[in-house]
Amino acid sequence: MRRRALVVESVIKPDASSRSAVAGSAPAYAELYCRSSFSFGAGASQPEELVARAHALGYAALALTDECSVAGMVRAHVEAK
């Protein structure tokens, strides 16, 4: 059985105060494989927590790759705004 992951990208705009000295000198980073609790059995974090952590780390974007559902994207999108 072949599984497919739905990939949706939410752009996160980190402010200067959320970046560490190391992250500020590094190029923009985007996590392209991230599963939330909406991927049953594969992820444990809520979408809001993932977006908040990505923002704190200074990520330029986060791709939420939940399997068989895009339900977590609504929460991730609201948090990213």
PDB file of N, CA and C in Angstrom:
ATOM      1  N   MET A   1       0.841  -1.176   0.000  1.00  0.00           N
ATOM      2  CA  MET A   1       0.000   0.000   0.000  1.00  0.00           C
ATOM      3  C   MET A   1       0.886   1.239   0.000  1.00  0.00           C
ATOM      4  N   ARG A   2       0.634   2.110  -0.904  1.00  0.00           N
ATOM      5  CA  ARG A   2       1.420   3.333  -1.021  1.00  0.00           C
ATOM      6  C   ARG A   2       0.758   4.461  -0.236  1.00  0.00           C
ATOM      7  N   ARG A   3       1.544   5.148   0.574  1.00  0.00           N
ATOM      8  CA  ARG A   3       1.019   6.267   1.367  1.00  0.00           C
ATOM      9  C   ARG A   3       1.411   7.578   0.722  1.00  0.00           C
ATOM     10  N   ARG A   4       0.551   8.528   0.851  1.00  0.00           N
ATOM     11  CA  ARG A   4       0.843   9.871   0.341  1.00  0.00           C
ATOM     12  C   ARG A   4       0.751  10.871   1.482  1.00  0.00           C
ATOM     13  N   ALA A   5       1.633  11.804   1.469  1.00  0.00           N
ATOM     14  CA  ALA A   5       1.605  12.881   2.467  1.00  0.00           C
ATOM     15  C   ALA A   5       1.157  14.159   1.778  1.00  0.00           C
ATOM     16  N   LEU A   6       0.250  14.853   2.393  1.00  0.00           N
ATOM     17  CA  LEU A   6      -0.205  16.137   1.878  1.00  0.00           C
ATOM     18  C   LEU A   6       0.738  17.215   2.388  1.00  0.00           C
ATOM     19  N   VAL A   7       1.337  17.960   1.482  1.00  0.00           N
ATOM     20  CA  VAL A   7       2.311  18.973   1.858  1.00  0.00           C
ATOM     21  C   VAL A   7       1.705  20.349   1.646  1.00  0.00           C
ATOM     22  N   VAL A   8       1.622  21.096   2.709  1.00  0.00           N
ATOM     23  CA  VAL A   8       1.118  22.461   2.653  1.00  0.00           C
ATOM     24  C   VAL A   8       2.096  23.326   3.421  1.00  0.00           C
ATOM     25  N   GLU A   9       2.480  24.444   2.845  1.00  0.00           N
ATOM     26  CA  GLU A   9       3.487  25.306   3.464  1.00  0.00           C
ATOM     27  C   GLU A   9       2.831  26.535   4.063  1.00  0.00           C
ATOM     28  N   SER A  10       3.170  26.833   5.294  1.00  0.00           N
ATOM     29  CA  SER A  10       2.749  28.064   5.950  1.00  0.00           C
ATOM     30  C   SER A  10       3.974  28.939   6.127  1.00  0.00           C
ATOM     31  N   VAL A  11       3.932  30.145   5.623  1.00  0.00           N
ATOM     32  CA  VAL A  11       5.070  31.044   5.755  1.00  0.00           C
ATOM     33  C   VAL A  11       5.039  31.685   7.127  1.00  0.00           C
ATOM     34  N   ILE A  12       6.170  31.645   7.786  1.00  0.00           N
ATOM     35  CA  ILE A  12       6.322  32.208   9.125  1.00  0.00           C
ATOM     36  C   ILE A  12       7.300  33.354   9.022  1.00  0.00           C
ATOM     37  N   LYS A  13       6.929  34.501   9.532  1.00  0.00           N
ATOM     38  CA  LYS A  13       7.794  35.676   9.473  1.00  0.00           C
ATOM     39  C   LYS A  13       8.374  35.946  10.856  1.00  0.00           C
ATOM     40  N   PRO A  14       9.564  35.408  11.131  1.00  0.00           N
ATOM     41  CA  PRO A  14      10.161  35.631  12.446  1.00  0.00           C
ATOM     42  C   PRO A  14      10.644  37.066  12.595  1.00  0.00           C
ATOM     43  N   ASP A  15      10.504  37.586  13.805  1.00  0.00           N
ATOM     44  CA  ASP A  15      11.031  38.917  14.056  1.00  0.00           C
ATOM     45  C   ASP A  15      12.472  38.791  14.548  1.00  0.00           C
ATOM     46  N   ALA A  16      13.159  39.887  14.585  1.00  0.00           N
ATOM     47  CA  ALA A  16      14.584  39.876  14.940  1.00  0.00           C
ATOM     48  C   ALA A  16      14.804  39.401  16.369  1.00  0.00           C
ATOM     49  N   SER A  17      13.865  39.685  17.274  1.00  0.00           N
ATOM     50  CA  SER A  17      14.055  39.308  18.668  1.00  0.00           C
ATOM     51  C   SER A  17      13.933  37.806  18.893  1.00  0.00           C
ATOM     52  N   SER A  18      13.278  37.074  17.986  1.00  0.00           N
ATOM     53  CA  SER A  18      13.100  35.636  18.184  1.00  0.00           C
ATOM     54  C   SER A  18      14.274  34.823  17.663  1.00  0.00           C
ATOM     55  N   ARG A  19      15.189  35.445  16.962  1.00  0.00           N
ATOM     56  CA  ARG A  19      16.334  34.724  16.412  1.00  0.00           C
ATOM     57  C   ARG A  19      17.509  34.744  17.369  1.00  0.00           C
ATOM     58  N   SER A  20      18.180  33.631  17.453  1.00  0.00           N
ATOM     59  CA  SER A  20      19.395  33.578  18.264  1.00  0.00           C
ATOM     60  C   SER A  20      20.555  34.114  17.438  1.00  0.00           C
ATOM     61  N   ALA A  21      21.691  34.270  18.053  1.00  0.00           N
ATOM     62  CA  ALA A  21      22.864  34.771  17.330  1.00  0.00           C
ATOM     63  C   ALA A  21      23.268  33.810  16.226  1.00  0.00           C
ATOM     64  N   VAL A  22      23.147  32.519  16.484  1.00  0.00           N
ATOM     65  CA  VAL A  22      23.505  31.519  15.475  1.00  0.00           C
ATOM     66  C   VAL A  22      22.503  31.536  14.330  1.00  0.00           C
ATOM     67  N   ALA A  23      21.204  31.552  14.644  1.00  0.00           N
ATOM     68  CA  ALA A  23      20.173  31.540  13.605  1.00  0.00           C
ATOM     69  C   ALA A  23      20.224  32.814  12.763  1.00  0.00           C
ATOM     70  N   GLY A  24      20.610  33.931  13.370  1.00  0.00           N
ATOM     71  CA  GLY A  24      20.664  35.181  12.631  1.00  0.00           C
ATOM     72  C   GLY A  24      21.725  35.169  11.545  1.00  0.00           C
ATOM     73  N   SER A  25      22.800  34.405  11.744  1.00  0.00           N
ATOM     74  CA  SER A  25      23.860  34.361  10.751  1.00  0.00           C
ATOM     75  C   SER A  25      23.675  33.222   9.755  1.00  0.00           C
ATOM     76  N   ALA A  26      22.757  32.311  10.038  1.00  0.00           N
ATOM     77  CA  ALA A  26      22.511  31.172   9.149  1.00  0.00           C
ATOM     78  C   ALA A  26      21.527  31.573   8.041  1.00  0.00           C
ATOM     79  N   PRO A  27      21.576  30.880   6.919  1.00  0.00           N
ATOM     80  CA  PRO A  27      20.612  31.164   5.858  1.00  0.00           C
ATOM     81  C   PRO A  27      19.204  30.763   6.294  1.00  0.00           C
ATOM     82  N   ALA A  28      18.205  31.266   5.611  1.00  0.00           N
ATOM     83  CA  ALA A  28      16.815  30.941   5.938  1.00  0.00           C
ATOM     84  C   ALA A  28      16.621  29.429   5.857  1.00  0.00           C
ATOM     85  N   TYR A  29      15.852  28.882   6.787  1.00  0.00           N
ATOM     86  CA  TYR A  29      15.634  27.441   6.858  1.00  0.00           C
ATOM     87  C   TYR A  29      14.144  27.153   6.824  1.00  0.00           C
ATOM     88  N   ALA A  30      13.762  26.115   6.119  1.00  0.00           N
ATOM     89  CA  ALA A  30      12.372  25.677   6.072  1.00  0.00           C
ATOM     90  C   ALA A  30      12.322  24.176   6.321  1.00  0.00           C
ATOM     91  N   GLU A  31      11.610  23.771   7.339  1.00  0.00           N
ATOM     92  CA  GLU A  31      11.423  22.345   7.623  1.00  0.00           C
ATOM     93  C   GLU A  31      10.420  21.786   6.622  1.00  0.00           C
ATOM     94  N   LEU A  32      10.832  20.774   5.862  1.00  0.00           N
ATOM     95  CA  LEU A  32       9.989  20.227   4.801  1.00  0.00           C
ATOM     96  C   LEU A  32       9.342  18.891   5.155  1.00  0.00           C
ATOM     97  N   TYR A  33       9.564  18.394   6.349  1.00  0.00           N
ATOM     98  CA  TYR A  33       8.940  17.141   6.784  1.00  0.00           C
ATOM     99  C   TYR A  33       8.565  17.292   8.241  1.00  0.00           C
ATOM    100  N   CYS A  34       7.309  17.558   8.494  1.00  0.00           N
ATOM    101  CA  CYS A  34       6.852  17.808   9.849  1.00  0.00           C
ATOM    102  C   CYS A  34       5.450  17.228  10.005  1.00  0.00           C
ATOM    103  N   ARG A  35       5.268  16.340  10.966  1.00  0.00           N
ATOM    104  CA  ARG A  35       3.978  15.701  11.200  1.00  0.00           C
ATOM    105  C   ARG A  35       3.388  16.194  12.515  1.00  0.00           C
ATOM    106  N   SER A  36       2.097  16.482  12.509  1.00  0.00           N
ATOM    107  CA  SER A  36       1.405  16.905  13.726  1.00  0.00           C
ATOM    108  C   SER A  36       0.597  15.734  14.276  1.00  0.00           C
ATOM    109  N   SER A  37      -0.156  15.991  15.327  1.00  0.00           N
ATOM    110  CA  SER A  37      -0.985  14.955  15.940  1.00  0.00           C
ATOM    111  C   SER A  37      -2.120  14.512  15.015  1.00  0.00           C
ATOM    112  N   PHE A  38      -2.326  15.233  13.917  1.00  0.00           N
ATOM    113  CA  PHE A  38      -3.351  14.843  12.951  1.00  0.00           C
ATOM    114  C   PHE A  38      -2.884  13.706  12.048  1.00  0.00           C
ATOM    115  N   SER A  39      -1.608  13.338  12.107  1.00  0.00           N
ATOM    116  CA  SER A  39      -1.106  12.118  11.459  1.00  0.00           C
ATOM    117  C   SER A  39      -1.133  11.042  12.536  1.00  0.00           C
ATOM    118  N   PHE A  40      -2.219  10.340  12.603  1.00  0.00           N
ATOM    119  CA  PHE A  40      -2.454   9.400  13.694  1.00  0.00           C
ATOM    120  C   PHE A  40      -1.335   8.367  13.789  1.00  0.00           C
ATOM    121  N   GLY A  41      -0.710   8.296  14.952  1.00  0.00           N
ATOM    122  CA  GLY A  41       0.359   7.352  15.200  1.00  0.00           C
ATOM    123  C   GLY A  41       1.728   7.802  14.734  1.00  0.00           C
ATOM    124  N   ALA A  42       1.829   8.930  14.046  1.00  0.00           N
ATOM    125  CA  ALA A  42       3.119   9.382  13.511  1.00  0.00           C
ATOM    126  C   ALA A  42       3.609  10.677  14.145  1.00  0.00           C
ATOM    127  N   GLY A  43       2.704  11.510  14.632  1.00  0.00           N
ATOM    128  CA  GLY A  43       3.093  12.794  15.209  1.00  0.00           C
ATOM    129  C   GLY A  43       2.442  12.990  16.568  1.00  0.00           C
ATOM    130  N   ALA A  44       3.062  13.783  17.421  1.00  0.00           N
ATOM    131  CA  ALA A  44       2.533  13.984  18.764  1.00  0.00           C
ATOM    132  C   ALA A  44       2.226  15.444  19.080  1.00  0.00           C
ATOM    133  N   SER A  45       2.814  16.385  18.349  1.00  0.00           N
ATOM    134  CA  SER A  45       2.654  17.808  18.653  1.00  0.00           C
ATOM    135  C   SER A  45       1.443  18.398  17.945  1.00  0.00           C
ATOM    136  N   GLN A  46       0.808  19.346  18.618  1.00  0.00           N
ATOM    137  CA  GLN A  46      -0.306  20.077  18.000  1.00  0.00           C
ATOM    138  C   GLN A  46       0.253  21.031  16.952  1.00  0.00           C
ATOM    139  N   PRO A  47      -0.499  21.326  15.892  1.00  0.00           N
ATOM    140  CA  PRO A  47      -0.010  22.231  14.846  1.00  0.00           C
ATOM    141  C   PRO A  47       0.395  23.606  15.393  1.00  0.00           C
ATOM    142  N   GLU A  48      -0.352  24.108  16.360  1.00  0.00           N
ATOM    143  CA  GLU A  48      -0.028  25.410  16.948  1.00  0.00           C
ATOM    144  C   GLU A  48       1.347  25.388  17.613  1.00  0.00           C
ATOM    145  N   GLU A  49       1.653  24.283  18.292  1.00  0.00           N
ATOM    146  CA  GLU A  49       2.955  24.148  18.956  1.00  0.00           C
ATOM    147  C   GLU A  49       4.093  24.097  17.938  1.00  0.00           C
ATOM    148  N   LEU A  50       3.870  23.407  16.835  1.00  0.00           N
ATOM    149  CA  LEU A  50       4.891  23.301  15.793  1.00  0.00           C
ATOM    150  C   LEU A  50       5.199  24.664  15.180  1.00  0.00           C
ATOM    151  N   VAL A  51       4.155  25.445  14.893  1.00  0.00           N
ATOM    152  CA  VAL A  51       4.350  26.773  14.303  1.00  0.00           C
ATOM    153  C   VAL A  51       5.035  27.704  15.299  1.00  0.00           C
ATOM    154  N   ALA A  52       4.618  27.655  16.553  1.00  0.00           N
ATOM    155  CA  ALA A  52       5.247  28.509  17.574  1.00  0.00           C
ATOM    156  C   ALA A  52       6.732  28.171  17.733  1.00  0.00           C
ATOM    157  N   ARG A  53       7.064  26.890  17.715  1.00  0.00           N
ATOM    158  CA  ARG A  53       8.472  26.485  17.860  1.00  0.00           C
ATOM    159  C   ARG A  53       9.284  26.885  16.637  1.00  0.00           C
ATOM    160  N   ALA A  54       8.703  26.705  15.451  1.00  0.00           N
ATOM    161  CA  ALA A  54       9.400  27.115  14.227  1.00  0.00           C
ATOM    162  C   ALA A  54       9.672  28.614  14.247  1.00  0.00           C
ATOM    163  N   HIS A  55       8.718  29.389  14.716  1.00  0.00           N
ATOM    164  CA  HIS A  55       8.891  30.842  14.829  1.00  0.00           C
ATOM    165  C   HIS A  55      10.013  31.167  15.816  1.00  0.00           C
ATOM    166  N   ALA A  56      10.016  30.482  16.956  1.00  0.00           N
ATOM    167  CA  ALA A  56      11.045  30.728  17.973  1.00  0.00           C
ATOM    168  C   ALA A  56      12.446  30.383  17.466  1.00  0.00           C
ATOM    169  N   LEU A  57      12.540  29.384  16.597  1.00  0.00           N
ATOM    170  CA  LEU A  57      13.831  28.981  16.036  1.00  0.00           C
ATOM    171  C   LEU A  57      14.249  29.814  14.831  1.00  0.00           C
ATOM    172  N   GLY A  58      13.360  30.692  14.349  1.00  0.00           N
ATOM    173  CA  GLY A  58      13.692  31.561  13.237  1.00  0.00           C
ATOM    174  C   GLY A  58      13.520  30.922  11.872  1.00  0.00           C
ATOM    175  N   TYR A  59      12.724  29.854  11.770  1.00  0.00           N
ATOM    176  CA  TYR A  59      12.493  29.205  10.480  1.00  0.00           C
ATOM    177  C   TYR A  59      11.770  30.159   9.536  1.00  0.00           C
ATOM    178  N   ALA A  60      12.108  30.102   8.262  1.00  0.00           N
ATOM    179  CA  ALA A  60      11.442  30.926   7.252  1.00  0.00           C
ATOM    180  C   ALA A  60      10.087  30.347   6.877  1.00  0.00           C
ATOM    181  N   ALA A  61       9.923  29.020   6.987  1.00  0.00           N
ATOM    182  CA  ALA A  61       8.664  28.360   6.627  1.00  0.00           C
ATOM    183  C   ALA A  61       8.602  27.000   7.308  1.00  0.00           C
ATOM    184  N   LEU A  62       7.425  26.417   7.292  1.00  0.00           N
ATOM    185  CA  LEU A  62       7.212  25.096   7.855  1.00  0.00           C
ATOM    186  C   LEU A  62       6.231  24.350   6.966  1.00  0.00           C
ATOM    187  N   ALA A  63       6.592  23.179   6.490  1.00  0.00           N
ATOM    188  CA  ALA A  63       5.691  22.359   5.677  1.00  0.00           C
ATOM    189  C   ALA A  63       5.083  21.296   6.578  1.00  0.00           C
ATOM    190  N   LEU A  64       3.781  21.350   6.768  1.00  0.00           N
ATOM    191  CA  LEU A  64       3.082  20.375   7.585  1.00  0.00           C
ATOM    192  C   LEU A  64       2.690  19.206   6.679  1.00  0.00           C
ATOM    193  N   THR A  65       3.291  18.044   6.895  1.00  0.00           N
ATOM    194  CA  THR A  65       3.123  16.902   5.989  1.00  0.00           C
ATOM    195  C   THR A  65       2.314  15.787   6.637  1.00  0.00           C
ATOM    196  N   ASP A  66       1.148  16.123   7.162  1.00  0.00           N
ATOM    197  CA  ASP A  66       0.282  15.111   7.762  1.00  0.00           C
ATOM    198  C   ASP A  66      -0.226  14.153   6.695  1.00  0.00           C
ATOM    199  N   GLU A  67      -0.382  12.889   7.081  1.00  0.00           N
ATOM    200  CA  GLU A  67      -0.895  11.881   6.161  1.00  0.00           C
ATOM    201  C   GLU A  67      -2.413  11.801   6.245  1.00  0.00           C
ATOM    202  N   CYS A  68      -3.052  11.687   5.092  1.00  0.00           N
ATOM    203  CA  CYS A  68      -4.490  11.403   4.979  1.00  0.00           C
ATOM    204  C   CYS A  68      -5.399  12.497   5.547  1.00  0.00           C
ATOM    205  N   SER A  69      -4.890  13.659   5.859  1.00  0.00           N
ATOM    206  CA  SER A  69      -5.723  14.715   6.419  1.00  0.00           C
ATOM    207  C   SER A  69      -5.044  16.078   6.276  1.00  0.00           C
ATOM    208  N   VAL A  70      -5.844  17.086   6.037  1.00  0.00           N
ATOM    209  CA  VAL A  70      -5.334  18.460   6.051  1.00  0.00           C
ATOM    210  C   VAL A  70      -5.985  19.243   7.192  1.00  0.00           C
ATOM    211  N   ALA A  71      -6.574  18.538   8.145  1.00  0.00           N
ATOM    212  CA  ALA A  71      -7.283  19.170   9.252  1.00  0.00           C
ATOM    213  C   ALA A  71      -6.377  20.044  10.110  1.00  0.00           C
ATOM    214  N   GLY A  72      -5.116  19.685  10.266  1.00  0.00           N
ATOM    215  CA  GLY A  72      -4.205  20.466  11.091  1.00  0.00           C
ATOM    216  C   GLY A  72      -3.783  21.777  10.451  1.00  0.00           C
ATOM    217  N   MET A  73      -3.960  21.907   9.145  1.00  0.00           N
ATOM    218  CA  MET A  73      -3.532  23.139   8.454  1.00  0.00           C
ATOM    219  C   MET A  73      -4.311  24.371   8.894  1.00  0.00           C
ATOM    220  N   VAL A  74      -5.578  24.195   9.239  1.00  0.00           N
ATOM    221  CA  VAL A  74      -6.380  25.352   9.703  1.00  0.00           C
ATOM    222  C   VAL A  74      -5.763  25.928  10.962  1.00  0.00           C
ATOM    223  N   ARG A  75      -5.467  25.061  11.916  1.00  0.00           N
ATOM    224  CA  ARG A  75      -4.861  25.518  13.177  1.00  0.00           C
ATOM    225  C   ARG A  75      -3.465  26.106  12.943  1.00  0.00           C
ATOM    226  N   ALA A  76      -2.687  25.465  12.089  1.00  0.00           N
ATOM    227  CA  ALA A  76      -1.336  25.967  11.794  1.00  0.00           C
ATOM    228  C   ALA A  76      -1.397  27.319  11.108  1.00  0.00           C
ATOM    229  N   HIS A  77      -2.315  27.496  10.188  1.00  0.00           N
ATOM    230  CA  HIS A  77      -2.456  28.754   9.480  1.00  0.00           C
ATOM    231  C   HIS A  77      -2.860  29.894  10.422  1.00  0.00           C
ATOM    232  N   VAL A  78      -3.820  29.621  11.295  1.00  0.00           N
ATOM    233  CA  VAL A  78      -4.253  30.640  12.261  1.00  0.00           C
ATOM    234  C   VAL A  78      -3.114  31.024  13.182  1.00  0.00           C
ATOM    235  N   GLU A  79      -2.333  30.060  13.644  1.00  0.00           N
ATOM    236  CA  GLU A  79      -1.189  30.346  14.511  1.00  0.00           C
ATOM    237  C   GLU A  79      -0.094  31.128  13.776  1.00  0.00           C
ATOM    238  N   ALA A  80       0.110  30.822  12.494  1.00  0.00           N
ATOM    239  CA  ALA A  80       1.155  31.497  11.710  1.00  0.00           C
ATOM    240  C   ALA A  80       0.837  32.962  11.479  1.00  0.00           C
ATOM    241  N   LYS A  81      -0.427  33.308  11.453  1.00  0.00           N
ATOM    242  CA  LYS A  81      -0.798  34.712  11.247  1.00  0.00           C
ATOM    243  C   LYS A  81      -0.414  35.515  12.451  1.00  0.00           C
TER     244      LYS A  81
END
